[in-house]
Amino acid sequence: MVRQAKQLAVAITELVETPDEVDGIRFQRGAQLVLDRSMTPEDLGGGIRVFRRLRDMMIPYTPT
């Protein structure tokens, strides 16, 4: 599960770094990862365990 959380974090980062335009805002390449931290796993009961990863990024953008 920890490996899957890391893989998901990488996939999300790749998506966020893909240049795109959304509602008049142009998101550009060059996002900077400011913080990347694994959180303590949490048992939610019923055999469910959650693995969290905290990532804070600076994403350059310009209005179009």
C-alpha atoms as a PDB file:
ATOM      1  CA  MET A   1       0.000   0.000   0.000  1.00  0.00           C
ATOM      2  CA  VAL A   2       2.818   2.427   0.758  1.00  0.00           C
ATOM      3  CA  ARG A   3       4.233   1.797  -2.723  1.00  0.00           C
ATOM      4  CA  GLN A   4       0.816   2.499  -4.258  1.00  0.00           C
ATOM      5  CA  ALA A   5       0.562   5.808  -2.368  1.00  0.00           C
ATOM      6  CA  LYS A   6       3.970   6.837  -3.737  1.00  0.00           C
ATOM      7  CA  GLN A   7       2.977   5.804  -7.272  1.00  0.00           C
ATOM      8  CA  LEU A   8      -0.226   7.834  -7.014  1.00  0.00           C
ATOM      9  CA  ALA A   9       1.741  10.877  -5.772  1.00  0.00           C
ATOM     10  CA  VAL A  10       4.059  10.623  -8.792  1.00  0.00           C
ATOM     11  CA  ALA A  11       1.107  10.280 -11.199  1.00  0.00           C
ATOM     12  CA  ILE A  12      -0.612  13.343  -9.723  1.00  0.00           C
ATOM     13  CA  THR A  13       2.631  15.351  -9.950  1.00  0.00           C
ATOM     14  CA  GLU A  14       2.997  14.423 -13.629  1.00  0.00           C
ATOM     15  CA  LEU A  15      -0.580  15.524 -14.280  1.00  0.00           C
ATOM     16  CA  VAL A  16      -0.136  18.823 -12.444  1.00  0.00           C
ATOM     17  CA  GLU A  17       3.073  19.542 -14.386  1.00  0.00           C
ATOM     18  CA  THR A  18       1.333  19.087 -17.747  1.00  0.00           C
ATOM     19  CA  PRO A  19       0.752  22.505 -19.359  1.00  0.00           C
ATOM     20  CA  ASP A  20      -2.959  23.239 -19.781  1.00  0.00           C
ATOM     21  CA  GLU A  21      -5.484  26.049 -19.819  1.00  0.00           C
ATOM     22  CA  VAL A  22      -8.476  25.958 -17.467  1.00  0.00           C
ATOM     23  CA  ASP A  23     -11.094  28.706 -17.162  1.00  0.00           C
ATOM     24  CA  GLY A  24      -8.807  31.445 -18.468  1.00  0.00           C
ATOM     25  CA  ILE A  25      -5.728  30.375 -16.488  1.00  0.00           C
ATOM     26  CA  ARG A  26      -2.672  28.931 -18.249  1.00  0.00           C
ATOM     27  CA  PHE A  27      -0.807  26.426 -16.051  1.00  0.00           C
ATOM     28  CA  GLN A  28       2.799  26.019 -17.156  1.00  0.00           C
ATOM     29  CA  ARG A  29       5.642  23.574 -16.736  1.00  0.00           C
ATOM     30  CA  GLY A  30       8.105  24.112 -13.939  1.00  0.00           C
ATOM     31  CA  ALA A  31       6.038  23.186 -10.904  1.00  0.00           C
ATOM     32  CA  GLN A  32       8.224  23.020  -7.821  1.00  0.00           C
ATOM     33  CA  LEU A  33       7.734  20.440  -5.091  1.00  0.00           C
ATOM     34  CA  VAL A  34       8.022  22.321  -1.797  1.00  0.00           C
ATOM     35  CA  LEU A  35       7.130  19.559   0.670  1.00  0.00           C
ATOM     36  CA  ASP A  36       6.832  15.778   0.312  1.00  0.00           C
ATOM     37  CA  ARG A  37       6.035  13.765   3.417  1.00  0.00           C
ATOM     38  CA  SER A  38       4.548  10.374   4.251  1.00  0.00           C
ATOM     39  CA  MET A  39       1.962  10.583   6.997  1.00  0.00           C
ATOM     40  CA  THR A  40       1.468   7.958   9.707  1.00  0.00           C
ATOM     41  CA  PRO A  41      -0.834   5.152   8.488  1.00  0.00           C
ATOM     42  CA  GLU A  42      -4.299   5.341  10.040  1.00  0.00           C
ATOM     43  CA  ASP A  43      -6.630   2.443  10.889  1.00  0.00           C
ATOM     44  CA  LEU A  44     -10.244   3.368  10.153  1.00  0.00           C
ATOM     45  CA  GLY A  45     -11.691   0.163  11.526  1.00  0.00           C
ATOM     46  CA  GLY A  46     -13.283  -2.732   9.694  1.00  0.00           C
ATOM     47  CA  GLY A  47      -9.917  -3.752   8.286  1.00  0.00           C
ATOM     48  CA  ILE A  48      -9.439  -0.442   6.443  1.00  0.00           C
ATOM     49  CA  ARG A  49      -6.029   1.186   6.688  1.00  0.00           C
ATOM     50  CA  VAL A  50      -5.260   4.542   5.035  1.00  0.00           C
ATOM     51  CA  PHE A  51      -1.816   5.593   3.825  1.00  0.00           C
ATOM     52  CA  ARG A  52      -1.495   9.326   3.185  1.00  0.00           C
ATOM     53  CA  ARG A  53       1.164  11.357   1.460  1.00  0.00           C
ATOM     54  CA  LEU A  54       1.344  15.142   1.870  1.00  0.00           C
ATOM     55  CA  ARG A  55       2.723  17.089  -1.100  1.00  0.00           C
ATOM     56  CA  ASP A  56       2.812  20.863  -1.389  1.00  0.00           C
ATOM     57  CA  MET A  57       3.689  22.356  -4.780  1.00  0.00           C
ATOM     58  CA  MET A  58       4.210  25.785  -6.307  1.00  0.00           C
ATOM     59  CA  ILE A  59       2.636  25.826  -9.787  1.00  0.00           C
ATOM     60  CA  PRO A  60       3.378  28.705 -12.157  1.00  0.00           C
ATOM     61  CA  TYR A  61       0.385  30.185 -13.972  1.00  0.00           C
ATOM     62  CA  THR A  62      -0.670  33.220 -15.974  1.00  0.00           C
ATOM     63  CA  PRO A  63      -4.091  34.590 -16.906  1.00  0.00           C
ATOM     64  CA  THR A  64      -4.869  34.168 -20.613  1.00  0.00           C
END
